[in-house]
Amino acid sequence: MRNYVVILLQFIIWSGYTLIEWISKHDQLIYKVIMFFIFFYLAFILGNQVTKSNRKTLFITVLSLVIYTSIHYTMAQFLH
């Protein structure tokens, strides 16, 4: 059950990242990359607080990122 809570919380973080990226669409690529790593670190720290395992947290964080990105780009294809 903790894994599902972490995935849902990380979806909220990834949604926040998407919103911030959309707001700063004119920024340089390096700033977007730095911002991504900050959000990734935030998602990892939040997940680690819940699961108490670095290995499991890394797996869940990457998994939630892949799922969110897949859903995001799939929906973007349908809307355009």
PDB file of N, CA and C in Angstrom:
ATOM      1  N   MET A   1       0.811  -1.189   0.000  1.00  0.00           N
ATOM      2  CA  MET A   1       0.000   0.000   0.000  1.00  0.00           C
ATOM      3  C   MET A   1       0.860   1.260   0.000  1.00  0.00           C
ATOM      4  N   ARG A   2       1.991   1.208   0.684  1.00  0.00           N
ATOM      5  CA  ARG A   2       2.884   2.370   0.713  1.00  0.00           C
ATOM      6  C   ARG A   2       3.398   2.709  -0.677  1.00  0.00           C
ATOM      7  N   ASN A   3       3.623   1.680  -1.488  1.00  0.00           N
ATOM      8  CA  ASN A   3       4.129   1.925  -2.840  1.00  0.00           C
ATOM      9  C   ASN A   3       3.128   2.730  -3.666  1.00  0.00           C
ATOM     10  N   TYR A   4       1.847   2.416  -3.524  1.00  0.00           N
ATOM     11  CA  TYR A   4       0.823   3.149  -4.264  1.00  0.00           C
ATOM     12  C   TYR A   4       0.733   4.598  -3.794  1.00  0.00           C
ATOM     13  N   VAL A   5       0.870   4.807  -2.511  1.00  0.00           N
ATOM     14  CA  VAL A   5       0.850   6.170  -1.969  1.00  0.00           C
ATOM     15  C   VAL A   5       2.028   6.965  -2.531  1.00  0.00           C
ATOM     16  N   VAL A   6       3.193   6.340  -2.574  1.00  0.00           N
ATOM     17  CA  VAL A   6       4.375   7.016  -3.114  1.00  0.00           C
ATOM     18  C   VAL A   6       4.172   7.351  -4.584  1.00  0.00           C
ATOM     19  N   ILE A   7       3.639   6.415  -5.357  1.00  0.00           N
ATOM     20  CA  ILE A   7       3.410   6.678  -6.785  1.00  0.00           C
ATOM     21  C   ILE A   7       2.428   7.823  -6.966  1.00  0.00           C
ATOM     22  N   LEU A   8       1.362   7.853  -6.193  1.00  0.00           N
ATOM     23  CA  LEU A   8       0.391   8.946  -6.304  1.00  0.00           C
ATOM     24  C   LEU A   8       1.001  10.296  -5.913  1.00  0.00           C
ATOM     25  N   LEU A   9       1.775  10.320  -4.845  1.00  0.00           N
ATOM     26  CA  LEU A   9       2.438  11.564  -4.448  1.00  0.00           C
ATOM     27  C   LEU A   9       3.446  12.020  -5.503  1.00  0.00           C
ATOM     28  N   GLN A  10       4.139  11.063  -6.095  1.00  0.00           N
ATOM     29  CA  GLN A  10       5.102  11.427  -7.137  1.00  0.00           C
ATOM     30  C   GLN A  10       4.403  11.888  -8.406  1.00  0.00           C
ATOM     31  N   PHE A  11       3.222  11.365  -8.699  1.00  0.00           N
ATOM     32  CA  PHE A  11       2.449  11.894  -9.825  1.00  0.00           C
ATOM     33  C   PHE A  11       2.115  13.361  -9.601  1.00  0.00           C
ATOM     34  N   ILE A  12       1.827  13.721  -8.367  1.00  0.00           N
ATOM     35  CA  ILE A  12       1.564  15.124  -8.041  1.00  0.00           C
ATOM     36  C   ILE A  12       2.827  15.955  -8.282  1.00  0.00           C
ATOM     37  N   ILE A  13       3.978  15.426  -7.888  1.00  0.00           N
ATOM     38  CA  ILE A  13       5.241  16.138  -8.115  1.00  0.00           C
ATOM     39  C   ILE A  13       5.513  16.277  -9.606  1.00  0.00           C
ATOM     40  N   TRP A  14       5.310  15.206 -10.385  1.00  0.00           N
ATOM     41  CA  TRP A  14       5.552  15.281 -11.829  1.00  0.00           C
ATOM     42  C   TRP A  14       4.574  16.251 -12.491  1.00  0.00           C
ATOM     43  N   SER A  15       3.348  16.306 -11.991  1.00  0.00           N
ATOM     44  CA  SER A  15       2.394  17.286 -12.528  1.00  0.00           C
ATOM     45  C   SER A  15       2.857  18.709 -12.240  1.00  0.00           C
ATOM     46  N   GLY A  16       3.396  18.914 -11.052  1.00  0.00           N
ATOM     47  CA  GLY A  16       3.955  20.230 -10.721  1.00  0.00           C
ATOM     48  C   GLY A  16       5.119  20.585 -11.616  1.00  0.00           C
ATOM     49  N   TYR A  17       5.958  19.591 -11.907  1.00  0.00           N
ATOM     50  CA  TYR A  17       7.076  19.828 -12.816  1.00  0.00           C
ATOM     51  C   TYR A  17       6.573  20.204 -14.206  1.00  0.00           C
ATOM     52  N   THR A  18       5.549  19.505 -14.683  1.00  0.00           N
ATOM     53  CA  THR A  18       4.994  19.809 -15.997  1.00  0.00           C
ATOM     54  C   THR A  18       4.431  21.217 -16.038  1.00  0.00           C
ATOM     55  N   LEU A  19       3.748  21.614 -14.979  1.00  0.00           N
ATOM     56  CA  LEU A  19       3.196  22.966 -14.918  1.00  0.00           C
ATOM     57  C   LEU A  19       4.303  24.015 -14.922  1.00  0.00           C
ATOM     58  N   ILE A  20       5.320  23.814 -14.116  1.00  0.00           N
ATOM     59  CA  ILE A  20       6.438  24.768 -14.058  1.00  0.00           C
ATOM     60  C   ILE A  20       7.184  24.808 -15.390  1.00  0.00           C
ATOM     61  N   GLU A  21       7.353  23.668 -16.023  1.00  0.00           N
ATOM     62  CA  GLU A  21       8.015  23.637 -17.326  1.00  0.00           C
ATOM     63  C   GLU A  21       7.188  24.384 -18.367  1.00  0.00           C
ATOM     64  N   TRP A  22       5.882  24.233 -18.306  1.00  0.00           N
ATOM     65  CA  TRP A  22       5.008  24.937 -19.240  1.00  0.00           C
ATOM     66  C   TRP A  22       5.077  26.446 -19.014  1.00  0.00           C
ATOM     67  N   ILE A  23       5.126  26.863 -17.757  1.00  0.00           N
ATOM     68  CA  ILE A  23       5.223  28.296 -17.443  1.00  0.00           C
ATOM     69  C   ILE A  23       6.558  28.870 -17.920  1.00  0.00           C
ATOM     70  N   SER A  24       7.625  28.089 -17.821  1.00  0.00           N
ATOM     71  CA  SER A  24       8.954  28.586 -18.195  1.00  0.00           C
ATOM     72  C   SER A  24       9.390  28.029 -19.552  1.00  0.00           C
ATOM     73  N   LYS A  25       8.485  28.052 -20.529  1.00  0.00           N
ATOM     74  CA  LYS A  25       8.796  27.461 -21.834  1.00  0.00           C
ATOM     75  C   LYS A  25       9.864  28.227 -22.611  1.00  0.00           C
ATOM     76  N   HIS A  26      10.159  29.440 -22.217  1.00  0.00           N
ATOM     77  CA  HIS A  26      11.175  30.222 -22.925  1.00  0.00           C
ATOM     78  C   HIS A  26      12.557  30.144 -22.263  1.00  0.00           C
ATOM     79  N   ASP A  27      12.672  29.368 -21.206  1.00  0.00           N
ATOM     80  CA  ASP A  27      13.964  29.226 -20.533  1.00  0.00           C
ATOM     81  C   ASP A  27      14.912  28.358 -21.360  1.00  0.00           C
ATOM     82  N   GLN A  28      16.186  28.487 -21.065  1.00  0.00           N
ATOM     83  CA  GLN A  28      17.187  27.676 -21.749  1.00  0.00           C
ATOM     84  C   GLN A  28      17.105  26.230 -21.268  1.00  0.00           C
ATOM     85  N   LEU A  29      17.612  25.330 -22.097  1.00  0.00           N
ATOM     86  CA  LEU A  29      17.541  23.900 -21.812  1.00  0.00           C
ATOM     87  C   LEU A  29      18.261  23.532 -20.512  1.00  0.00           C
ATOM     88  N   ILE A  30      19.386  24.165 -20.235  1.00  0.00           N
ATOM     89  CA  ILE A  30      20.155  23.832 -19.039  1.00  0.00           C
ATOM     90  C   ILE A  30      19.344  24.092 -17.766  1.00  0.00           C
ATOM     91  N   TYR A  31      18.532  25.146 -17.777  1.00  0.00           N
ATOM     92  CA  TYR A  31      17.709  25.447 -16.613  1.00  0.00           C
ATOM     93  C   TYR A  31      16.585  24.431 -16.451  1.00  0.00           C
ATOM     94  N   LYS A  32      16.065  23.954 -17.571  1.00  0.00           N
ATOM     95  CA  LYS A  32      15.036  22.914 -17.508  1.00  0.00           C
ATOM     96  C   LYS A  32      15.611  21.598 -16.997  1.00  0.00           C
ATOM     97  N   VAL A  33      16.834  21.288 -17.371  1.00  0.00           N
ATOM     98  CA  VAL A  33      17.485  20.065 -16.900  1.00  0.00           C
ATOM     99  C   VAL A  33      17.752  20.160 -15.399  1.00  0.00           C
ATOM    100  N   ILE A  34      18.240  21.299 -14.959  1.00  0.00           N
ATOM    101  CA  ILE A  34      18.473  21.505 -13.525  1.00  0.00           C
ATOM    102  C   ILE A  34      17.162  21.393 -12.754  1.00  0.00           C
ATOM    103  N   MET A  35      16.118  21.985 -13.293  1.00  0.00           N
ATOM    104  CA  MET A  35      14.807  21.920 -12.647  1.00  0.00           C
ATOM    105  C   MET A  35      14.304  20.472 -12.580  1.00  0.00           C
ATOM    106  N   PHE A  36      14.539  19.688 -13.645  1.00  0.00           N
ATOM    107  CA  PHE A  36      14.139  18.282 -13.629  1.00  0.00           C
ATOM    108  C   PHE A  36      14.843  17.529 -12.515  1.00  0.00           C
ATOM    109  N   PHE A  37      16.142  17.738 -12.367  1.00  0.00           N
ATOM    110  CA  PHE A  37      16.873  17.035 -11.323  1.00  0.00           C
ATOM    111  C   PHE A  37      16.421  17.463  -9.919  1.00  0.00           C
ATOM    112  N   ILE A  38      16.031  18.703  -9.764  1.00  0.00           N
ATOM    113  CA  ILE A  38      15.504  19.159  -8.475  1.00  0.00           C
ATOM    114  C   ILE A  38      14.187  18.444  -8.164  1.00  0.00           C
ATOM    115  N   PHE A  39      13.303  18.356  -9.147  1.00  0.00           N
ATOM    116  CA  PHE A  39      12.040  17.664  -8.932  1.00  0.00           C
ATOM    117  C   PHE A  39      12.260  16.162  -8.739  1.00  0.00           C
ATOM    118  N   PHE A  40      13.215  15.581  -9.458  1.00  0.00           N
ATOM    119  CA  PHE A  40      13.525  14.162  -9.279  1.00  0.00           C
ATOM    120  C   PHE A  40      14.026  13.915  -7.857  1.00  0.00           C
ATOM    121  N   TYR A  41      14.898  14.783  -7.380  1.00  0.00           N
ATOM    122  CA  TYR A  41      15.413  14.662  -6.018  1.00  0.00           C
ATOM    123  C   TYR A  41      14.289  14.810  -4.999  1.00  0.00           C
ATOM    124  N   LEU A  42      13.408  15.760  -5.227  1.00  0.00           N
ATOM    125  CA  LEU A  42      12.269  15.958  -4.334  1.00  0.00           C
ATOM    126  C   LEU A  42      11.381  14.716  -4.308  1.00  0.00           C
ATOM    127  N   ALA A  43      11.105  14.127  -5.475  1.00  0.00           N
ATOM    128  CA  ALA A  43      10.291  12.908  -5.541  1.00  0.00           C
ATOM    129  C   ALA A  43      10.997  11.753  -4.843  1.00  0.00           C
ATOM    130  N   PHE A  44      12.306  11.666  -5.002  1.00  0.00           N
ATOM    131  CA  PHE A  44      13.061  10.591  -4.364  1.00  0.00           C
ATOM    132  C   PHE A  44      13.049  10.735  -2.845  1.00  0.00           C
ATOM    133  N   ILE A  45      13.267  11.938  -2.348  1.00  0.00           N
ATOM    134  CA  ILE A  45      13.276  12.170  -0.905  1.00  0.00           C
ATOM    135  C   ILE A  45      11.900  11.875  -0.306  1.00  0.00           C
ATOM    136  N   LEU A  46      10.852  12.321  -0.969  1.00  0.00           N
ATOM    137  CA  LEU A  46       9.503  12.049  -0.486  1.00  0.00           C
ATOM    138  C   LEU A  46       9.224  10.547  -0.463  1.00  0.00           C
ATOM    139  N   GLY A  47       9.596   9.851  -1.518  1.00  0.00           N
ATOM    140  CA  GLY A  47       9.397   8.401  -1.566  1.00  0.00           C
ATOM    141  C   GLY A  47      10.212   7.669  -0.521  1.00  0.00           C
ATOM    142  N   ASN A  48      11.404   8.149  -0.278  1.00  0.00           N
ATOM    143  CA  ASN A  48      12.278   7.510   0.713  1.00  0.00           C
ATOM    144  C   ASN A  48      11.744   7.697   2.127  1.00  0.00           C
ATOM    145  N   GLN A  49      11.081   8.800   2.380  1.00  0.00           N
ATOM    146  CA  GLN A  49      10.480   9.012   3.699  1.00  0.00           C
ATOM    147  C   GLN A  49       9.363   8.011   3.968  1.00  0.00           C
ATOM    148  N   VAL A  50       8.669   7.590   2.916  1.00  0.00           N
ATOM    149  CA  VAL A  50       7.557   6.662   3.087  1.00  0.00           C
ATOM    150  C   VAL A  50       8.038   5.210   3.081  1.00  0.00           C
ATOM    151  N   THR A  51       8.904   4.853   2.133  1.00  0.00           N
ATOM    152  CA  THR A  51       9.294   3.446   1.988  1.00  0.00           C
ATOM    153  C   THR A  51      10.471   3.043   2.866  1.00  0.00           C
ATOM    154  N   LYS A  52      11.326   3.989   3.225  1.00  0.00           N
ATOM    155  CA  LYS A  52      12.512   3.721   4.060  1.00  0.00           C
ATOM    156  C   LYS A  52      13.523   2.788   3.390  1.00  0.00           C
ATOM    157  N   SER A  53      13.514   2.748   2.057  1.00  0.00           N
ATOM    158  CA  SER A  53      14.447   1.900   1.324  1.00  0.00           C
ATOM    159  C   SER A  53      14.910   2.639   0.077  1.00  0.00           C
ATOM    160  N   ASN A  54      16.218   2.877  -0.025  1.00  0.00           N
ATOM    161  CA  ASN A  54      16.750   3.606  -1.182  1.00  0.00           C
ATOM    162  C   ASN A  54      16.504   2.863  -2.487  1.00  0.00           C
ATOM    163  N   ARG A  55      16.725   1.572  -2.474  1.00  0.00           N
ATOM    164  CA  ARG A  55      16.585   0.775  -3.693  1.00  0.00           C
ATOM    165  C   ARG A  55      15.140   0.755  -4.187  1.00  0.00           C
ATOM    166  N   LYS A  56      14.206   0.510  -3.276  1.00  0.00           N
ATOM    167  CA  LYS A  56      12.794   0.486  -3.637  1.00  0.00           C
ATOM    168  C   LYS A  56      12.332   1.873  -4.079  1.00  0.00           C
ATOM    169  N   THR A  57      12.825   2.900  -3.395  1.00  0.00           N
ATOM    170  CA  THR A  57      12.447   4.270  -3.749  1.00  0.00           C
ATOM    171  C   THR A  57      12.930   4.634  -5.138  1.00  0.00           C
ATOM    172  N   LEU A  58      14.155   4.265  -5.480  1.00  0.00           N
ATOM    173  CA  LEU A  58      14.674   4.562  -6.812  1.00  0.00           C
ATOM    174  C   LEU A  58      13.834   3.866  -7.874  1.00  0.00           C
ATOM    175  N   PHE A  59      13.491   2.608  -7.641  1.00  0.00           N
ATOM    176  CA  PHE A  59      12.669   1.865  -8.597  1.00  0.00           C
ATOM    177  C   PHE A  59      11.299   2.518  -8.758  1.00  0.00           C
ATOM    178  N   ILE A  60      10.655   2.861  -7.645  1.00  0.00           N
ATOM    179  CA  ILE A  60       9.325   3.467  -7.707  1.00  0.00           C
ATOM    180  C   ILE A  60       9.374   4.838  -8.369  1.00  0.00           C
ATOM    181  N   THR A  61      10.413   5.607  -8.087  1.00  0.00           N
ATOM    182  CA  THR A  61      10.535   6.943  -8.678  1.00  0.00           C
ATOM    183  C   THR A  61      10.705   6.857 -10.188  1.00  0.00           C
ATOM    184  N   VAL A  62      11.557   5.978 -10.651  1.00  0.00           N
ATOM    185  CA  VAL A  62      11.751   5.816 -12.098  1.00  0.00           C
ATOM    186  C   VAL A  62      10.473   5.270 -12.740  1.00  0.00           C
ATOM    187  N   LEU A  63       9.838   4.313 -12.072  1.00  0.00           N
ATOM    188  CA  LEU A  63       8.594   3.753 -12.592  1.00  0.00           C
ATOM    189  C   LEU A  63       7.513   4.819 -12.692  1.00  0.00           C
ATOM    190  N   SER A  64       7.337   5.633 -11.669  1.00  0.00           N
ATOM    191  CA  SER A  64       6.312   6.677 -11.716  1.00  0.00           C
ATOM    192  C   SER A  64       6.625   7.707 -12.793  1.00  0.00           C
ATOM    193  N   LEU A  65       7.905   8.000 -12.983  1.00  0.00           N
ATOM    194  CA  LEU A  65       8.297   8.942 -14.039  1.00  0.00           C
ATOM    195  C   LEU A  65       7.983   8.378 -15.422  1.00  0.00           C
ATOM    196  N   VAL A  66       8.276   7.111 -15.641  1.00  0.00           N
ATOM    197  CA  VAL A  66       7.993   6.478 -16.935  1.00  0.00           C
ATOM    198  C   VAL A  66       6.487   6.422 -17.194  1.00  0.00           C
ATOM    199  N   ILE A  67       5.714   6.049 -16.190  1.00  0.00           N
ATOM    200  CA  ILE A  67       4.258   5.982 -16.350  1.00  0.00           C
ATOM    201  C   ILE A  67       3.684   7.368 -16.615  1.00  0.00           C
ATOM    202  N   TYR A  68       4.120   8.352 -15.832  1.00  0.00           N
ATOM    203  CA  TYR A  68       3.605   9.710 -16.011  1.00  0.00           C
ATOM    204  C   TYR A  68       3.971  10.254 -17.394  1.00  0.00           C
ATOM    205  N   THR A  69       5.208  10.041 -17.813  1.00  0.00           N
ATOM    206  CA  THR A  69       5.641  10.530 -19.121  1.00  0.00           C
ATOM    207  C   THR A  69       4.861   9.853 -20.241  1.00  0.00           C
ATOM    208  N   SER A  70       4.635   8.566 -20.116  1.00  0.00           N
ATOM    209  CA  SER A  70       3.863   7.841 -21.126  1.00  0.00           C
ATOM    210  C   SER A  70       2.443   8.381 -21.231  1.00  0.00           C
ATOM    211  N   ILE A  71       1.810   8.574 -20.088  1.00  0.00           N
ATOM    212  CA  ILE A  71       0.447   9.109 -20.091  1.00  0.00           C
ATOM    213  C   ILE A  71       0.431  10.531 -20.625  1.00  0.00           C
ATOM    214  N   HIS A  72       1.407  11.328 -20.217  1.00  0.00           N
ATOM    215  CA  HIS A  72       1.475  12.733 -20.643  1.00  0.00           C
ATOM    216  C   HIS A  72       1.601  12.848 -22.165  1.00  0.00           C
ATOM    217  N   TYR A  73       2.525  12.108 -22.752  1.00  0.00           N
ATOM    218  CA  TYR A  73       2.731  12.199 -24.195  1.00  0.00           C
ATOM    219  C   TYR A  73       1.611  11.527 -24.988  1.00  0.00           C
ATOM    220  N   THR A  74       1.008  10.485 -24.439  1.00  0.00           N
ATOM    221  CA  THR A  74      -0.125   9.867 -25.108  1.00  0.00           C
ATOM    222  C   THR A  74      -1.312  10.826 -25.159  1.00  0.00           C
ATOM    223  N   MET A  75      -1.573  11.485 -24.044  1.00  0.00           N
ATOM    224  CA  MET A  75      -2.680  12.447 -24.027  1.00  0.00           C
ATOM    225  C   MET A  75      -2.369  13.657 -24.898  1.00  0.00           C
ATOM    226  N   ALA A  76      -1.119  14.051 -24.964  1.00  0.00           N
ATOM    227  CA  ALA A  76      -0.741  15.188 -25.814  1.00  0.00           C
ATOM    228  C   ALA A  76      -0.970  14.861 -27.290  1.00  0.00           C
ATOM    229  N   GLN A  77      -0.758  13.613 -27.667  1.00  0.00           N
ATOM    230  CA  GLN A  77      -0.994  13.208 -29.063  1.00  0.00           C
ATOM    231  C   GLN A  77      -2.481  13.266 -29.398  1.00  0.00           C
ATOM    232  N   PHE A  78      -3.333  12.888 -28.448  1.00  0.00           N
ATOM    233  CA  PHE A  78      -4.765  12.925 -28.691  1.00  0.00           C
ATOM    234  C   PHE A  78      -5.319  14.345 -28.731  1.00  0.00           C
ATOM    235  N   LEU A  79      -4.717  15.236 -27.965  1.00  0.00           N
ATOM    236  CA  LEU A  79      -5.237  16.606 -27.900  1.00  0.00           C
ATOM    237  C   LEU A  79      -4.768  17.470 -29.058  1.00  0.00           C
ATOM    238  N   HIS A  80      -3.713  17.078 -29.720  1.00  0.00           N
ATOM    239  CA  HIS A  80      -3.224  17.887 -30.843  1.00  0.00           C
ATOM    240  C   HIS A  80      -3.615  17.274 -32.108  1.00  0.00           C
TER     241      HIS A  80
END
